[in-house]
Amino acid sequence: MQVLVRDNNVDQALRVLKKKLQREGVFREMKARSAYEKPSERRAREKSEAIRRQRKLARKKMQREGLLPAPKKAAPRGRG
């Protein structure tokens, strides 16, 4: 993973790097690997994640088909 530092602005580059790592799920993976997870707990977690994914896909499909209202868009965040 690579982040460019522009105008010696390391703080902004760190924010961008953290956001990229968050999107990739690196922090979640580190937390999961920090302690042992029993096989039964792992199966339960994976099953709940699969259910969550399926519900999300079904919700998006229904929104595309017009059966559900689209989510409200967040107000644009400006600088200032």
N, C-alpha and C. Protein backbone atom coordinates (compact mmCIF):
# COMPACT_ATOMS: atom_id res chain seq x y z
N MET A 1 0.85 -1.17 0.00
CA MET A 1 0.00 0.00 0.00
C MET A 1 0.90 1.23 0.00
N GLN A 2 0.48 2.24 -0.74
CA GLN A 2 1.34 3.40 -0.91
C GLN A 2 0.51 4.67 -0.75
N VAL A 3 1.09 5.63 -0.01
CA VAL A 3 0.45 6.93 0.18
C VAL A 3 1.49 8.00 -0.14
N LEU A 4 1.10 8.95 -0.96
CA LEU A 4 2.01 10.03 -1.32
C LEU A 4 1.90 11.16 -0.31
N VAL A 5 3.06 11.72 0.05
CA VAL A 5 3.11 12.87 0.95
C VAL A 5 3.32 14.10 0.09
N ARG A 6 2.35 15.00 0.14
CA ARG A 6 2.43 16.21 -0.65
C ARG A 6 2.77 17.40 0.23
N ASP A 7 3.70 18.22 -0.21
CA ASP A 7 4.10 19.45 0.49
C ASP A 7 4.49 19.18 1.94
N ASN A 8 5.18 18.07 2.20
CA ASN A 8 5.62 17.69 3.55
C ASN A 8 4.46 17.64 4.55
N ASN A 9 3.25 17.33 4.07
CA ASN A 9 2.08 17.25 4.94
C ASN A 9 1.90 15.79 5.37
N VAL A 10 2.66 15.42 6.41
CA VAL A 10 2.64 14.04 6.88
C VAL A 10 1.32 13.72 7.57
N ASP A 11 0.73 14.69 8.26
CA ASP A 11 -0.53 14.45 8.98
C ASP A 11 -1.63 14.03 8.00
N GLN A 12 -1.72 14.73 6.88
CA GLN A 12 -2.74 14.38 5.89
C GLN A 12 -2.45 13.00 5.29
N ALA A 13 -1.19 12.70 5.04
CA ALA A 13 -0.83 11.39 4.50
C ALA A 13 -1.18 10.28 5.48
N LEU A 14 -0.98 10.52 6.78
CA LEU A 14 -1.34 9.53 7.79
C LEU A 14 -2.85 9.30 7.81
N ARG A 15 -3.63 10.38 7.70
CA ARG A 15 -5.09 10.23 7.67
C ARG A 15 -5.52 9.38 6.47
N VAL A 16 -4.90 9.64 5.31
CA VAL A 16 -5.24 8.89 4.11
C VAL A 16 -4.86 7.42 4.30
N LEU A 17 -3.69 7.16 4.88
CA LEU A 17 -3.24 5.79 5.11
C LEU A 17 -4.19 5.06 6.06
N LYS A 18 -4.58 5.71 7.14
CA LYS A 18 -5.50 5.08 8.10
C LYS A 18 -6.83 4.76 7.44
N LYS A 19 -7.30 5.66 6.60
CA LYS A 19 -8.58 5.43 5.91
C LYS A 19 -8.46 4.23 4.98
N LYS A 20 -7.33 4.12 4.25
CA LYS A 20 -7.13 2.98 3.35
C LYS A 20 -7.06 1.68 4.13
N LEU A 21 -6.34 1.69 5.26
CA LEU A 21 -6.23 0.49 6.08
C LEU A 21 -7.59 0.09 6.64
N GLN A 22 -8.39 1.08 7.03
CA GLN A 22 -9.72 0.81 7.56
C GLN A 22 -10.59 0.16 6.48
N ARG A 23 -10.54 0.69 5.25
CA ARG A 23 -11.34 0.14 4.16
C ARG A 23 -10.93 -1.29 3.84
N GLU A 24 -9.64 -1.59 3.92
CA GLU A 24 -9.14 -2.92 3.60
C GLU A 24 -9.43 -3.92 4.72
N GLY A 25 -9.79 -3.44 5.91
CA GLY A 25 -10.10 -4.33 7.02
C GLY A 25 -8.87 -4.81 7.77
N VAL A 26 -7.78 -4.07 7.69
CA VAL A 26 -6.54 -4.47 8.35
C VAL A 26 -6.70 -4.40 9.86
N PHE A 27 -7.34 -3.36 10.37
CA PHE A 27 -7.50 -3.20 11.82
C PHE A 27 -8.39 -4.31 12.37
N ARG A 28 -9.45 -4.66 11.66
CA ARG A 28 -10.34 -5.73 12.09
C ARG A 28 -9.58 -7.05 12.13
N GLU A 29 -8.75 -7.27 11.12
CA GLU A 29 -7.96 -8.51 11.04
C GLU A 29 -6.96 -8.59 12.20
N MET A 30 -6.31 -7.47 12.51
CA MET A 30 -5.35 -7.44 13.62
C MET A 30 -6.05 -7.76 14.93
N LYS A 31 -7.21 -7.19 15.13
CA LYS A 31 -7.96 -7.42 16.36
C LYS A 31 -8.38 -8.89 16.45
N ALA A 32 -8.81 -9.46 15.33
CA ALA A 32 -9.24 -10.85 15.33
C ALA A 32 -8.08 -11.79 15.63
N ARG A 33 -6.89 -11.47 15.15
CA ARG A 33 -5.74 -12.34 15.35
C ARG A 33 -5.05 -12.13 16.68
N SER A 34 -5.45 -11.11 17.43
CA SER A 34 -4.75 -10.82 18.69
C SER A 34 -5.07 -11.86 19.75
N ALA A 35 -6.20 -12.55 19.64
CA ALA A 35 -6.56 -13.56 20.63
C ALA A 35 -7.11 -14.78 19.91
N TYR A 36 -7.03 -15.91 20.58
CA TYR A 36 -7.53 -17.16 19.99
C TYR A 36 -9.05 -17.12 19.91
N GLU A 37 -9.56 -17.62 18.81
CA GLU A 37 -11.00 -17.70 18.62
C GLU A 37 -11.37 -19.17 18.49
N LYS A 38 -12.28 -19.63 19.37
CA LYS A 38 -12.70 -21.02 19.33
C LYS A 38 -13.38 -21.32 17.99
N PRO A 39 -13.24 -22.55 17.50
CA PRO A 39 -13.86 -22.89 16.22
C PRO A 39 -15.37 -22.66 16.21
N SER A 40 -16.04 -22.93 17.34
CA SER A 40 -17.49 -22.71 17.39
C SER A 40 -17.81 -21.22 17.28
N GLU A 41 -17.00 -20.39 17.93
CA GLU A 41 -17.20 -18.93 17.85
C GLU A 41 -16.93 -18.44 16.44
N ARG A 42 -15.91 -19.03 15.80
CA ARG A 42 -15.58 -18.63 14.43
C ARG A 42 -16.73 -18.95 13.47
N ARG A 43 -17.29 -20.16 13.61
CA ARG A 43 -18.42 -20.54 12.76
C ARG A 43 -19.60 -19.61 12.97
N ALA A 44 -19.89 -19.28 14.24
CA ALA A 44 -21.02 -18.40 14.54
C ALA A 44 -20.79 -17.01 13.95
N ARG A 45 -19.55 -16.50 14.07
CA ARG A 45 -19.23 -15.18 13.54
C ARG A 45 -19.34 -15.17 12.02
N GLU A 46 -18.79 -16.19 11.37
CA GLU A 46 -18.84 -16.25 9.91
C GLU A 46 -20.29 -16.38 9.42
N LYS A 47 -21.10 -17.14 10.14
CA LYS A 47 -22.51 -17.29 9.76
C LYS A 47 -23.24 -15.95 9.88
N SER A 48 -23.00 -15.23 10.97
CA SER A 48 -23.67 -13.94 11.14
C SER A 48 -23.19 -12.93 10.10
N GLU A 49 -21.89 -12.98 9.74
CA GLU A 49 -21.39 -12.09 8.69
C GLU A 49 -22.02 -12.41 7.35
N ALA A 50 -22.20 -13.70 7.07
CA ALA A 50 -22.82 -14.10 5.80
C ALA A 50 -24.28 -13.63 5.75
N ILE A 51 -24.98 -13.76 6.86
CA ILE A 51 -26.37 -13.29 6.92
C ILE A 51 -26.43 -11.79 6.70
N ARG A 52 -25.52 -11.05 7.32
CA ARG A 52 -25.47 -9.60 7.16
C ARG A 52 -25.22 -9.21 5.71
N ARG A 53 -24.28 -9.93 5.06
CA ARG A 53 -23.99 -9.65 3.65
C ARG A 53 -25.21 -9.91 2.78
N GLN A 54 -25.89 -11.03 3.00
CA GLN A 54 -27.06 -11.36 2.20
C GLN A 54 -28.16 -10.33 2.38
N ARG A 55 -28.38 -9.89 3.62
CA ARG A 55 -29.41 -8.87 3.86
C ARG A 55 -29.07 -7.57 3.18
N LYS A 56 -27.78 -7.21 3.20
CA LYS A 56 -27.35 -5.98 2.55
C LYS A 56 -27.56 -6.06 1.05
N LEU A 57 -27.21 -7.20 0.45
CA LEU A 57 -27.42 -7.38 -1.00
C LEU A 57 -28.90 -7.32 -1.35
N ALA A 58 -29.73 -7.97 -0.53
CA ALA A 58 -31.17 -7.96 -0.79
C ALA A 58 -31.73 -6.55 -0.67
N ARG A 59 -31.27 -5.80 0.33
CA ARG A 59 -31.73 -4.42 0.52
C ARG A 59 -31.34 -3.56 -0.67
N LYS A 60 -30.09 -3.70 -1.14
CA LYS A 60 -29.65 -2.91 -2.30
C LYS A 60 -30.45 -3.27 -3.55
N LYS A 61 -30.73 -4.57 -3.73
CA LYS A 61 -31.50 -5.00 -4.89
C LYS A 61 -32.91 -4.41 -4.85
N MET A 62 -33.54 -4.42 -3.67
CA MET A 62 -34.88 -3.87 -3.54
C MET A 62 -34.88 -2.36 -3.78
N GLN A 63 -33.80 -1.68 -3.36
CA GLN A 63 -33.70 -0.24 -3.61
C GLN A 63 -33.57 0.03 -5.10
N ARG A 64 -32.78 -0.80 -5.81
CA ARG A 64 -32.62 -0.60 -7.24
C ARG A 64 -33.93 -0.82 -7.98
N GLU A 65 -34.72 -1.77 -7.49
CA GLU A 65 -36.00 -2.08 -8.13
C GLU A 65 -37.10 -1.12 -7.72
N GLY A 66 -36.82 -0.23 -6.79
CA GLY A 66 -37.80 0.77 -6.38
C GLY A 66 -38.78 0.29 -5.32
N LEU A 67 -38.52 -0.87 -4.72
CA LEU A 67 -39.42 -1.38 -3.69
C LEU A 67 -39.14 -0.76 -2.32
N LEU A 68 -37.93 -0.25 -2.14
CA LEU A 68 -37.55 0.44 -0.91
C LEU A 68 -37.05 1.83 -1.27
N PRO A 69 -37.28 2.81 -0.40
CA PRO A 69 -36.72 4.14 -0.70
C PRO A 69 -35.20 4.11 -0.57
N ALA A 70 -34.55 4.91 -1.38
CA ALA A 70 -33.09 4.99 -1.35
C ALA A 70 -32.66 5.65 -0.05
N PRO A 71 -31.47 5.32 0.46
CA PRO A 71 -31.01 5.95 1.70
C PRO A 71 -30.80 7.44 1.51
N LYS A 72 -31.00 8.18 2.59
CA LYS A 72 -30.81 9.63 2.52
C LYS A 72 -29.33 9.94 2.35
N LYS A 73 -29.04 10.87 1.47
CA LYS A 73 -27.65 11.25 1.24
C LYS A 73 -27.20 12.18 2.36
N ALA A 74 -25.98 12.00 2.80
CA ALA A 74 -25.43 12.85 3.84
C ALA A 74 -25.13 14.23 3.26
N ALA A 75 -25.24 15.23 4.10
CA ALA A 75 -24.96 16.59 3.66
C ALA A 75 -23.47 16.69 3.30
N PRO A 76 -23.12 17.38 2.23
CA PRO A 76 -21.71 17.49 1.86
C PRO A 76 -20.92 18.24 2.93
N ARG A 77 -19.76 17.67 3.25
CA ARG A 77 -18.93 18.27 4.28
C ARG A 77 -17.89 19.16 3.62
N GLY A 78 -17.98 20.42 3.86
CA GLY A 78 -17.04 21.36 3.23
C GLY A 78 -15.89 21.68 4.15
N ARG A 79 -14.99 22.43 3.62
CA ARG A 79 -13.82 22.85 4.41
C ARG A 79 -14.13 24.22 5.00
N GLY A 80 -14.50 24.23 6.24
CA GLY A 80 -14.69 25.56 6.81
C GLY A 80 -15.81 25.70 7.69
